[in-house]
Amino acid sequence: MRRLEEQRSEVIKALRRITRSLIVLLTCCPFFSSCGVYSFSGASIPAEAKTVSVQYFPNNAQLVNPLLSNTITNALNDIFVNQTTLQSVAQNGDLALEGEIIGYSTAPIAITGNQTAALNRLTVTVNVRFTNKYDESKNFEQSFSQYQDYPSGQDLNSVQDVLVEQIVEDLCQDIFNKAVVNW
């Protein structure tokens, strides 16, 4: 039963990655005929935009992972710099992101017949404010949440680093897509 749940979880993760890749690929096509800066990620950025600023994301969650603020801030900055032609600046970028971590929690999700948890879920939620200096219609404030499941027989401390790495990658891709890929 446990093995079946683990396999199911892995299949769901793989399908999520494939779906995201297909969506990004399909959204790339219309951008080649529109105005703006192009990138292989399908990003549509105003031609005037040259810089991006990502402010530090403080951790305001009840349960605090001490490395999470730096991890999210750096990963967001990296995705914008690596997938676009934008240059990173400390403040007042043409595209600007700021926000805070508002949730970091673990909870049982799959209960077995004897009322014990088979799987636990680590969830991270961030609130993001995005500003586009050249197109205010693209500005938003939104919460983003991602999770990863892990077997209840494992201690969170032993799997936390790997789970957080994947969660942060997924969160940053969602934020990037909302900000500049427009899907």
Protein backbone atom coordinates (compact mmCIF):
# COMPACT_ATOMS: atom_id res chain seq x y z
CA MET A 1 0.00 0.00 0.00
CA ARG A 2 2.77 2.42 0.98
CA ARG A 3 4.73 1.64 -2.20
CA LEU A 4 1.61 2.23 -4.31
CA GLU A 5 1.10 5.64 -2.66
CA GLU A 6 4.77 6.55 -3.29
CA GLN A 7 4.48 5.53 -6.95
CA ARG A 8 1.27 7.51 -7.30
CA SER A 9 2.93 10.56 -5.80
CA GLU A 10 5.89 10.26 -8.19
CA VAL A 11 3.58 9.93 -11.21
CA ILE A 12 1.64 13.05 -10.15
CA LYS A 13 4.89 15.02 -9.79
CA ALA A 14 6.08 13.88 -13.22
CA LEU A 15 2.75 14.79 -14.83
CA ARG A 16 2.90 18.25 -13.22
CA ARG A 17 6.36 18.88 -14.67
CA ILE A 18 5.32 17.67 -18.13
CA THR A 19 2.16 19.79 -18.05
CA ARG A 20 4.09 22.92 -17.06
CA SER A 21 6.62 22.30 -19.83
CA LEU A 22 3.89 21.85 -22.43
CA ILE A 23 2.08 24.99 -21.32
CA VAL A 24 5.26 27.04 -21.50
CA LEU A 25 6.04 25.57 -24.92
CA LEU A 26 2.55 26.28 -26.24
CA THR A 27 2.55 29.81 -24.88
CA CYS A 28 5.86 30.56 -26.62
CA CYS A 29 4.36 30.50 -30.12
CA PRO A 30 2.19 33.65 -29.90
CA PHE A 31 5.00 35.68 -28.35
CA PHE A 32 7.21 35.37 -31.40
CA SER A 33 4.77 37.57 -33.28
CA SER A 34 4.24 40.18 -30.53
CA CYS A 35 6.31 43.07 -29.28
CA GLY A 36 8.78 42.81 -26.44
CA VAL A 37 11.84 40.96 -25.29
CA TYR A 38 11.86 37.26 -26.12
CA SER A 39 13.31 34.35 -24.24
CA PHE A 40 13.21 30.59 -24.51
CA SER A 41 10.91 30.51 -21.49
CA GLY A 42 8.13 32.20 -23.47
CA ALA A 43 8.37 35.36 -21.42
CA SER A 44 6.75 38.48 -22.82
CA ILE A 45 8.54 41.50 -21.41
CA PRO A 46 8.18 45.09 -22.62
CA ALA A 47 11.10 46.09 -24.86
CA GLU A 48 11.81 49.07 -22.58
CA ALA A 49 12.30 46.83 -19.53
CA LYS A 50 15.97 46.23 -18.80
CA THR A 51 16.08 45.46 -15.07
CA VAL A 52 14.43 43.32 -12.42
CA SER A 53 14.56 43.74 -8.64
CA VAL A 54 13.64 41.05 -6.14
CA GLN A 55 13.34 42.27 -2.57
CA TYR A 56 14.09 40.01 0.40
CA PHE A 57 11.13 37.76 1.28
CA PRO A 58 10.83 37.79 5.09
CA ASN A 59 9.49 34.67 6.77
CA ASN A 60 6.23 35.54 8.54
CA ALA A 61 5.00 31.94 8.82
CA GLN A 62 4.21 30.46 12.23
CA LEU A 63 6.71 27.66 11.65
CA VAL A 64 10.00 29.13 10.40
CA ASN A 65 12.63 27.41 8.29
CA PRO A 66 15.64 29.73 8.86
CA LEU A 67 17.04 29.26 5.32
CA LEU A 68 13.79 29.67 3.41
CA SER A 69 13.81 33.48 3.04
CA ASN A 70 17.22 33.52 1.38
CA THR A 71 16.41 30.45 -0.70
CA ILE A 72 13.21 31.91 -2.16
CA THR A 73 14.67 35.38 -2.70
CA ASN A 74 17.75 34.04 -4.50
CA ALA A 75 15.77 31.51 -6.56
CA LEU A 76 13.33 34.18 -7.76
CA ASN A 77 16.18 36.47 -8.74
CA ASP A 78 17.94 33.60 -10.54
CA ILE A 79 14.92 32.56 -12.59
CA PHE A 80 14.35 36.10 -13.87
CA VAL A 81 18.02 36.66 -14.69
CA ASN A 82 18.59 33.20 -16.23
CA GLN A 83 15.40 33.01 -18.30
CA THR A 84 15.29 36.60 -19.58
CA THR A 85 17.70 39.29 -20.70
CA LEU A 86 16.93 41.41 -17.63
CA GLN A 87 19.70 42.59 -15.34
CA SER A 88 19.27 42.28 -11.59
CA VAL A 89 19.29 45.50 -9.56
CA ALA A 90 18.90 45.95 -5.82
CA GLN A 91 15.87 48.28 -6.00
CA ASN A 92 13.41 49.94 -8.36
CA GLY A 93 13.71 47.49 -11.23
CA ASP A 94 11.57 47.91 -14.32
CA LEU A 95 9.98 44.68 -13.12
CA ALA A 96 9.88 44.40 -9.34
CA LEU A 97 8.94 41.61 -6.97
CA GLU A 98 8.43 41.75 -3.24
CA GLY A 99 6.52 39.71 -0.74
CA GLU A 100 6.70 37.47 2.26
CA ILE A 101 6.50 33.82 3.26
CA ILE A 102 3.13 33.40 4.95
CA GLY A 103 2.91 29.65 5.39
CA TYR A 104 5.21 26.73 6.16
CA SER A 105 3.41 23.68 7.47
CA THR A 106 3.32 19.92 7.50
CA ALA A 107 0.18 17.82 7.84
CA PRO A 108 -0.88 14.19 7.42
CA ILE A 109 -2.72 13.57 4.14
CA ALA A 110 -3.10 9.81 3.62
CA ILE A 111 -4.60 7.93 6.54
CA THR A 112 -4.25 4.13 6.66
CA GLY A 113 -6.84 1.67 7.91
CA ASN A 114 -5.45 1.81 11.45
CA GLN A 115 -5.85 5.60 11.60
CA THR A 116 -2.16 6.43 11.15
CA ALA A 117 -0.74 8.69 8.50
CA ALA A 118 0.88 7.04 5.48
CA LEU A 119 1.96 10.34 3.95
CA ASN A 120 2.65 13.83 5.21
CA ARG A 121 2.61 17.01 3.15
CA LEU A 122 4.98 19.96 3.49
CA THR A 123 3.36 23.13 2.15
CA VAL A 124 4.95 26.54 1.58
CA THR A 125 2.89 29.64 0.79
CA VAL A 126 4.23 33.03 -0.29
CA ASN A 127 2.43 36.30 -0.92
CA VAL A 128 3.89 38.16 -3.92
CA ARG A 129 3.50 41.71 -5.19
CA PHE A 130 4.65 42.21 -8.78
CA THR A 131 5.06 45.59 -10.44
CA ASN A 132 5.68 46.18 -14.13
CA LYS A 133 6.79 49.79 -14.60
CA TYR A 134 5.83 49.79 -18.29
CA ASP A 135 2.54 47.89 -18.21
CA GLU A 136 0.53 48.45 -15.03
CA SER A 137 -2.17 46.04 -16.23
CA LYS A 138 0.32 43.23 -15.46
CA ASN A 139 0.74 44.26 -11.80
CA PHE A 140 -0.63 41.82 -9.23
CA GLU A 141 -0.64 40.74 -5.62
CA GLN A 142 -1.28 37.04 -5.17
CA SER A 143 -0.53 34.13 -2.88
CA PHE A 144 1.26 31.10 -4.35
CA SER A 145 1.40 27.74 -2.65
CA GLN A 146 3.23 24.51 -3.44
CA TYR A 147 3.70 21.25 -1.58
CA GLN A 148 5.61 18.00 -1.58
CA ASP A 149 4.54 14.75 0.05
CA TYR A 150 6.81 12.48 2.07
CA PRO A 151 6.33 9.15 3.87
CA SER A 152 5.21 9.52 7.46
CA GLY A 153 7.94 7.10 8.52
CA GLN A 154 10.52 9.75 7.65
CA ASP A 155 11.33 12.62 9.96
CA LEU A 156 10.76 16.05 8.34
CA ASN A 157 14.30 17.11 9.28
CA SER A 158 15.76 14.24 7.25
CA VAL A 159 13.88 15.11 4.02
CA GLN A 160 13.25 18.83 4.45
CA ASP A 161 16.13 20.10 2.28
CA VAL A 162 15.10 18.03 -0.75
CA LEU A 163 11.41 18.88 -0.32
CA VAL A 164 12.08 22.60 0.07
CA GLU A 165 14.32 22.63 -3.00
CA GLN A 166 11.53 21.22 -5.19
CA ILE A 167 8.84 23.39 -3.58
CA VAL A 168 10.89 26.56 -4.13
CA GLU A 169 11.57 25.59 -7.75
CA ASP A 170 7.84 25.07 -8.36
CA LEU A 171 6.88 28.28 -6.55
CA CYS A 172 9.39 30.36 -8.50
CA GLN A 173 8.23 28.89 -11.81
CA ASP A 174 4.60 29.70 -10.93
CA ILE A 175 5.51 33.27 -9.97
CA PHE A 176 7.64 33.74 -13.11
CA ASN A 177 4.83 32.40 -15.29
CA LYS A 178 2.23 34.70 -13.70
CA ALA A 179 4.54 37.72 -14.00
CA VAL A 180 5.89 37.40 -17.53
CA VAL A 181 4.57 34.33 -19.35
CA ASN A 182 0.91 35.35 -18.93
CA TRP A 183 -0.79 31.99 -18.42
